[in-house]
Amino acid sequence: MKLLGRNYQSILNYFDNRSTNASAESFNAKVKAFRSQFRGVRKVDFFLFRLSNLFG
């Protein structure tokens, strides 16, 4: 019952608006896959540049 109480607002939000966090989860998965491709890249600015080109 505690779990239901903690997530009550999120559950109602789904049924009222049919909104979920699926887009955020998808974005996180894409960033994770991108990071795995660029292991060993030492320049953070280059990494952020490539990431912005991918999602921008």
Protein backbone atom coordinates (compact mmCIF):
# COMPACT_ATOMS: atom_id res chain seq x y z
CA MET A 1 0.00 0.00 0.00
CA LYS A 2 2.95 2.32 0.62
CA LEU A 3 4.06 1.92 -2.99
CA LEU A 4 0.65 2.96 -4.23
CA GLY A 5 0.64 5.94 -1.90
CA ARG A 6 4.06 7.14 -3.04
CA ASN A 7 3.18 6.87 -6.75
CA TYR A 8 -0.45 7.97 -6.50
CA GLN A 9 0.05 11.24 -8.39
CA SER A 10 2.01 9.60 -11.21
CA ILE A 11 -0.63 6.90 -11.59
CA LEU A 12 -3.42 9.46 -11.76
CA ASN A 13 -1.40 11.54 -14.22
CA TYR A 14 -1.18 8.58 -16.58
CA PHE A 15 -4.92 7.94 -16.53
CA ASP A 16 -5.83 11.64 -16.78
CA ASN A 17 -3.38 12.68 -19.50
CA ARG A 18 -1.99 9.38 -20.84
CA SER A 19 1.48 10.77 -20.17
CA THR A 20 4.45 8.64 -19.20
CA ASN A 21 8.19 9.12 -18.91
CA ALA A 22 8.83 6.94 -21.98
CA SER A 23 10.43 9.80 -23.91
CA ALA A 24 12.90 10.46 -21.09
CA GLU A 25 13.72 6.76 -20.86
CA SER A 26 14.26 6.60 -24.62
CA PHE A 27 16.56 9.62 -24.53
CA ASN A 28 18.58 8.09 -21.68
CA ALA A 29 18.94 4.83 -23.62
CA LYS A 30 20.21 6.72 -26.68
CA VAL A 31 22.75 8.64 -24.60
CA LYS A 32 23.91 5.40 -22.96
CA ALA A 33 24.37 3.72 -26.35
CA PHE A 34 26.24 6.78 -27.65
CA ARG A 35 28.53 6.76 -24.62
CA SER A 36 29.36 3.11 -25.16
CA GLN A 37 30.48 3.89 -28.72
CA PHE A 38 32.84 6.62 -27.57
CA ARG A 39 34.64 4.91 -24.70
CA GLY A 40 38.11 6.30 -24.31
CA VAL A 41 37.37 9.73 -25.75
CA ARG A 42 39.37 12.08 -23.58
CA LYS A 43 38.10 15.44 -24.78
CA VAL A 44 34.80 16.24 -23.09
CA ASP A 45 34.11 19.14 -25.44
CA PHE A 46 34.37 16.82 -28.46
CA PHE A 47 32.03 14.33 -26.78
CA LEU A 48 29.46 17.06 -26.05
CA PHE A 49 29.81 18.41 -29.59
CA ARG A 50 29.05 14.97 -31.07
CA LEU A 51 26.18 14.47 -28.63
CA SER A 52 24.64 17.82 -29.57
CA ASN A 53 24.92 16.95 -33.28
CA LEU A 54 23.22 13.63 -32.64
CA PHE A 55 20.27 15.06 -30.72
CA GLY A 56 20.21 18.64 -31.99
